[in-house]
Amino acid sequence: MKFASYLILLLMLVGCSVPKHNWQNVDRELLWSSMITAAKTPDYSSEDPRKRWLVTENKIAIDRRQGRIDVSRKLSRSLKLPRQNEQKDNRHWFFEIHLLPINKRTPGQSVVTFIVPDTQFVPARTRDEAERYFAQVDELLRGK
């Protein structure tokens, strides 16, 4: 029983971590515009069919002064894997993306956090969505 309590506590702590990404020596205006573009035009194409989604609704609110982008997004997919029945899924995301103020100790570093205010029962989904978003921002910054 004691082990199960510790395991649950550990899982809760791991699930509560906020995904973040650091960029070194990147123009903050270019980073901010790339963040907005990635939020407005999400890309859910993937070689992995389990990570492919269709965006059915995408609403964003931008607060430049606070460096915050709020995203409300609805996704759907129809997934047919070998030897399985077709699976239809819908997902509704609400998340906040924050470009943190410049830290005086690390002036060339820009930090962005990805916060899902709702309680997620599957923290790995939050991490996957954050990684997808950060990868799209990286691609935009590289000019791809």
Foldseek 3Di string as FASTA:
>chain_A
DVVVVVVVVVVVVVLPDWDKDKDFQADVVLLLVLLVVCLVDPDQDDPPLVSRWDWPDWDWDDDVVQQKIWIWTKIWDWDDDPPDDIDIDIDIFIKMKHFDDADPVRRRMIMIIIGGPDDDPDSVVSVVVVVSSVVSSVCVSVVD
